[in-house]
Amino acid sequence: RDWIVAAGPINGNTATLNAFRTDGAGGLFPPRYNPAAVQAVPWGTFTFAFSDCNNGTVSWEPTADGYTAGSLPITRLTLPNGLHCP
């Protein structure tokens, strides 16, 4: 089992995120989480591209061994109260 986390900028309707796999004995749920015993190992990238405010695609391109590239359509399930889709 792996935890993959990613962060990156949003540029228009696309966000390209650098992804990292956490590794180490400290990656446990609190109160046993130990950040000194966790390493962020480069994993690859995720790209989120939106065709409108409700629909888009997520694709991933791993650089880590044992993973394959792919993509999936994504659809918004909820809209936070007070926000509106243009």
N, C-alpha and C. Protein backbone atom coordinates (compact mmCIF):
# COMPACT_ATOMS: atom_id res chain seq x y z
N ARG A 1 0.86 -1.16 0.00
CA ARG A 1 0.00 0.00 0.00
C ARG A 1 0.91 1.22 0.00
N ASP A 2 0.53 2.19 -0.77
CA ASP A 2 1.32 3.42 -0.90
C ASP A 2 0.44 4.64 -0.68
N TRP A 3 1.04 5.67 -0.14
CA TRP A 3 0.42 6.98 -0.06
C TRP A 3 1.14 7.84 -1.08
N ILE A 4 0.39 8.40 -2.02
CA ILE A 4 0.98 9.27 -3.01
C ILE A 4 0.36 10.65 -2.83
N VAL A 5 1.20 11.65 -2.65
CA VAL A 5 0.75 13.02 -2.45
C VAL A 5 1.31 13.88 -3.56
N ALA A 6 0.60 14.96 -3.90
CA ALA A 6 1.05 15.80 -5.00
C ALA A 6 0.69 17.26 -4.75
N ALA A 7 1.48 18.15 -5.34
CA ALA A 7 1.21 19.58 -5.24
C ALA A 7 1.76 20.26 -6.48
N GLY A 8 1.13 21.35 -6.87
CA GLY A 8 1.60 22.10 -8.02
C GLY A 8 0.66 23.23 -8.35
N PRO A 9 1.05 24.07 -9.31
CA PRO A 9 0.26 25.25 -9.64
C PRO A 9 -0.92 24.95 -10.56
N ILE A 10 -1.90 25.83 -10.50
CA ILE A 10 -3.03 25.80 -11.43
C ILE A 10 -2.75 26.84 -12.49
N ASN A 11 -2.89 26.47 -13.75
CA ASN A 11 -2.65 27.37 -14.86
C ASN A 11 -3.86 27.30 -15.78
N GLY A 12 -4.77 28.27 -15.65
CA GLY A 12 -5.99 28.24 -16.45
C GLY A 12 -6.87 27.10 -16.01
N ASN A 13 -7.18 26.17 -16.92
CA ASN A 13 -8.04 25.04 -16.59
C ASN A 13 -7.25 23.76 -16.34
N THR A 14 -5.93 23.89 -16.12
CA THR A 14 -5.06 22.72 -15.94
C THR A 14 -4.18 22.88 -14.71
N ALA A 15 -3.97 21.78 -14.02
CA ALA A 15 -3.01 21.75 -12.90
C ALA A 15 -2.10 20.55 -13.10
N THR A 16 -0.81 20.80 -13.16
CA THR A 16 0.17 19.72 -13.26
C THR A 16 0.90 19.63 -11.93
N LEU A 17 0.79 18.48 -11.28
CA LEU A 17 1.29 18.30 -9.93
C LEU A 17 2.46 17.33 -9.89
N ASN A 18 3.51 17.69 -9.16
CA ASN A 18 4.60 16.76 -8.91
C ASN A 18 4.16 15.85 -7.77
N ALA A 19 4.29 14.54 -8.00
CA ALA A 19 3.80 13.57 -7.03
C ALA A 19 4.95 12.86 -6.34
N PHE A 20 4.74 12.54 -5.09
CA PHE A 20 5.72 11.85 -4.27
C PHE A 20 5.06 10.70 -3.52
N ARG A 21 5.79 9.61 -3.39
CA ARG A 21 5.34 8.46 -2.60
C ARG A 21 6.03 8.57 -1.25
N THR A 22 5.26 8.40 -0.19
CA THR A 22 5.87 8.44 1.13
C THR A 22 6.47 7.08 1.45
N ASP A 23 7.62 7.11 2.08
CA ASP A 23 8.35 5.89 2.41
C ASP A 23 8.94 6.04 3.81
N GLY A 24 8.96 4.97 4.55
CA GLY A 24 9.56 4.99 5.88
C GLY A 24 8.62 4.47 6.94
N ALA A 25 9.20 4.11 8.05
CA ALA A 25 8.45 3.50 9.15
C ALA A 25 7.57 4.50 9.89
N GLY A 26 7.74 5.80 9.68
CA GLY A 26 6.98 6.79 10.43
C GLY A 26 5.64 7.14 9.82
N GLY A 27 5.29 6.57 8.68
CA GLY A 27 4.05 6.91 8.01
C GLY A 27 2.85 6.21 8.59
N LEU A 28 2.57 6.45 9.84
CA LEU A 28 1.45 5.85 10.56
C LEU A 28 0.44 6.93 10.92
N PHE A 29 -0.78 6.52 11.23
CA PHE A 29 -1.78 7.49 11.67
C PHE A 29 -1.41 8.03 13.05
N PRO A 30 -1.72 9.32 13.30
CA PRO A 30 -1.47 9.89 14.62
C PRO A 30 -2.16 9.08 15.70
N PRO A 31 -1.60 8.98 16.82
CA PRO A 31 -0.46 9.74 17.35
C PRO A 31 0.88 9.09 17.04
N ARG A 32 0.91 8.03 16.24
CA ARG A 32 2.17 7.31 15.98
C ARG A 32 2.90 7.84 14.75
N TYR A 33 2.39 8.89 14.09
CA TYR A 33 3.07 9.48 12.94
C TYR A 33 4.38 10.11 13.37
N ASN A 34 5.46 9.82 12.65
CA ASN A 34 6.77 10.35 12.99
C ASN A 34 7.37 10.97 11.73
N PRO A 35 7.27 12.29 11.55
CA PRO A 35 7.76 12.92 10.33
C PRO A 35 9.25 12.73 10.11
N ALA A 36 10.02 12.51 11.18
CA ALA A 36 11.46 12.29 11.03
C ALA A 36 11.76 10.94 10.39
N ALA A 37 10.78 10.03 10.38
CA ALA A 37 10.98 8.68 9.82
C ALA A 37 10.18 8.49 8.54
N VAL A 38 9.92 9.59 7.81
CA VAL A 38 9.19 9.52 6.55
C VAL A 38 9.98 10.28 5.49
N GLN A 39 10.10 9.72 4.32
CA GLN A 39 10.78 10.37 3.21
C GLN A 39 9.80 10.52 2.05
N ALA A 40 9.93 11.61 1.31
CA ALA A 40 9.14 11.82 0.10
C ALA A 40 9.99 11.38 -1.09
N VAL A 41 9.57 10.30 -1.75
CA VAL A 41 10.31 9.74 -2.88
C VAL A 41 9.59 10.17 -4.17
N PRO A 42 10.28 10.81 -5.13
CA PRO A 42 9.62 11.21 -6.37
C PRO A 42 8.87 10.05 -7.02
N TRP A 43 7.64 10.30 -7.45
CA TRP A 43 6.79 9.27 -8.03
C TRP A 43 6.46 9.54 -9.50
N GLY A 44 6.23 10.81 -9.87
CA GLY A 44 5.84 11.16 -11.23
C GLY A 44 4.98 12.41 -11.20
N THR A 45 4.00 12.48 -12.11
CA THR A 45 3.13 13.65 -12.16
C THR A 45 1.67 13.25 -12.34
N PHE A 46 0.80 14.13 -11.86
CA PHE A 46 -0.63 14.08 -12.12
C PHE A 46 -0.99 15.35 -12.88
N THR A 47 -1.87 15.23 -13.86
CA THR A 47 -2.37 16.41 -14.56
C THR A 47 -3.89 16.39 -14.52
N PHE A 48 -4.46 17.46 -13.99
CA PHE A 48 -5.91 17.64 -13.96
C PHE A 48 -6.25 18.69 -15.00
N ALA A 49 -7.13 18.35 -15.93
CA ALA A 49 -7.57 19.28 -16.97
C ALA A 49 -9.09 19.31 -16.97
N PHE A 50 -9.67 20.52 -16.91
CA PHE A 50 -11.11 20.67 -16.80
C PHE A 50 -11.69 21.25 -18.08
N SER A 51 -12.74 20.60 -18.60
CA SER A 51 -13.42 21.08 -19.79
C SER A 51 -14.50 22.11 -19.44
N ASP A 52 -15.00 22.06 -18.22
CA ASP A 52 -15.93 23.04 -17.68
C ASP A 52 -15.84 22.94 -16.16
N CYS A 53 -16.69 23.64 -15.44
CA CYS A 53 -16.54 23.66 -13.98
C CYS A 53 -17.03 22.37 -13.31
N ASN A 54 -17.57 21.45 -14.06
CA ASN A 54 -18.05 20.19 -13.49
C ASN A 54 -17.35 18.94 -14.02
N ASN A 55 -16.60 19.05 -15.10
CA ASN A 55 -16.04 17.85 -15.74
C ASN A 55 -14.59 18.06 -16.14
N GLY A 56 -13.87 16.97 -16.12
CA GLY A 56 -12.47 17.04 -16.52
C GLY A 56 -11.87 15.66 -16.64
N THR A 57 -10.55 15.64 -16.66
CA THR A 57 -9.78 14.40 -16.77
C THR A 57 -8.59 14.50 -15.84
N VAL A 58 -8.27 13.41 -15.19
CA VAL A 58 -7.01 13.31 -14.46
C VAL A 58 -6.17 12.26 -15.15
N SER A 59 -4.91 12.60 -15.38
CA SER A 59 -3.98 11.62 -15.97
C SER A 59 -2.73 11.57 -15.10
N TRP A 60 -2.06 10.46 -15.14
CA TRP A 60 -0.86 10.30 -14.32
C TRP A 60 0.24 9.66 -15.16
N GLU A 61 1.45 10.09 -14.88
CA GLU A 61 2.64 9.61 -15.59
C GLU A 61 3.69 9.29 -14.54
N PRO A 62 3.72 8.03 -14.08
CA PRO A 62 4.70 7.68 -13.06
C PRO A 62 6.11 7.55 -13.62
N THR A 63 7.08 7.92 -12.81
CA THR A 63 8.48 7.66 -13.12
C THR A 63 9.01 6.54 -12.22
N ALA A 64 8.25 6.19 -11.21
CA ALA A 64 8.64 5.13 -10.28
C ALA A 64 8.35 3.76 -10.89
N ASP A 65 9.22 2.81 -10.62
CA ASP A 65 9.02 1.44 -11.10
C ASP A 65 7.77 0.83 -10.50
N GLY A 66 7.10 -0.03 -11.29
CA GLY A 66 5.96 -0.78 -10.80
C GLY A 66 4.61 -0.11 -11.01
N TYR A 67 4.57 1.04 -11.63
CA TYR A 67 3.33 1.77 -11.87
C TYR A 67 3.17 1.99 -13.38
N THR A 68 1.93 2.11 -13.84
CA THR A 68 1.68 2.39 -15.24
C THR A 68 0.92 3.70 -15.39
N ALA A 69 1.11 4.35 -16.52
CA ALA A 69 0.43 5.60 -16.81
C ALA A 69 -1.04 5.32 -17.11
N GLY A 70 -1.87 6.34 -16.95
CA GLY A 70 -3.28 6.19 -17.26
C GLY A 70 -4.03 7.49 -17.12
N SER A 71 -5.34 7.41 -17.31
CA SER A 71 -6.19 8.58 -17.14
C SER A 71 -7.61 8.14 -16.86
N LEU A 72 -8.38 9.05 -16.27
CA LEU A 72 -9.79 8.80 -15.94
C LEU A 72 -10.57 10.10 -16.10
N PRO A 73 -11.83 10.01 -16.55
CA PRO A 73 -12.69 11.19 -16.51
C PRO A 73 -13.10 11.46 -15.06
N ILE A 74 -13.27 12.72 -14.72
CA ILE A 74 -13.72 13.08 -13.37
C ILE A 74 -14.91 14.03 -13.49
N THR A 75 -15.83 13.93 -12.52
CA THR A 75 -17.03 14.77 -12.49
C THR A 75 -17.26 15.26 -11.07
N ARG A 76 -17.58 16.51 -10.94
CA ARG A 76 -17.88 17.10 -9.63
C ARG A 76 -19.11 16.40 -9.05
N LEU A 77 -19.05 16.06 -7.77
CA LEU A 77 -20.19 15.44 -7.09
C LEU A 77 -21.00 16.45 -6.30
N THR A 78 -20.36 17.49 -5.80
CA THR A 78 -21.06 18.49 -5.00
C THR A 78 -20.52 19.87 -5.35
N LEU A 79 -21.26 20.89 -5.01
CA LEU A 79 -20.81 22.27 -5.16
C LEU A 79 -20.91 22.93 -3.80
N PRO A 80 -19.80 23.42 -3.24
CA PRO A 80 -19.86 24.04 -1.93
C PRO A 80 -20.90 25.14 -1.87
N ASN A 81 -21.58 25.23 -0.74
CA ASN A 81 -22.62 26.23 -0.53
C ASN A 81 -22.08 27.63 -0.80
N GLY A 82 -22.78 28.39 -1.59
CA GLY A 82 -22.39 29.76 -1.89
C GLY A 82 -21.57 29.90 -3.16
N LEU A 83 -21.07 28.82 -3.72
CA LEU A 83 -20.31 28.90 -4.96
C LEU A 83 -21.24 28.58 -6.14
N HIS A 84 -20.90 29.15 -7.28
CA HIS A 84 -21.73 28.95 -8.47
C HIS A 84 -20.85 28.59 -9.64
N CYS A 85 -21.37 27.73 -10.48
CA CYS A 85 -20.69 27.34 -11.71
C CYS A 85 -21.00 28.38 -12.77
N PRO A 86 -19.98 28.93 -13.43
CA PRO A 86 -20.29 29.95 -14.45
C PRO A 86 -21.04 29.37 -15.64
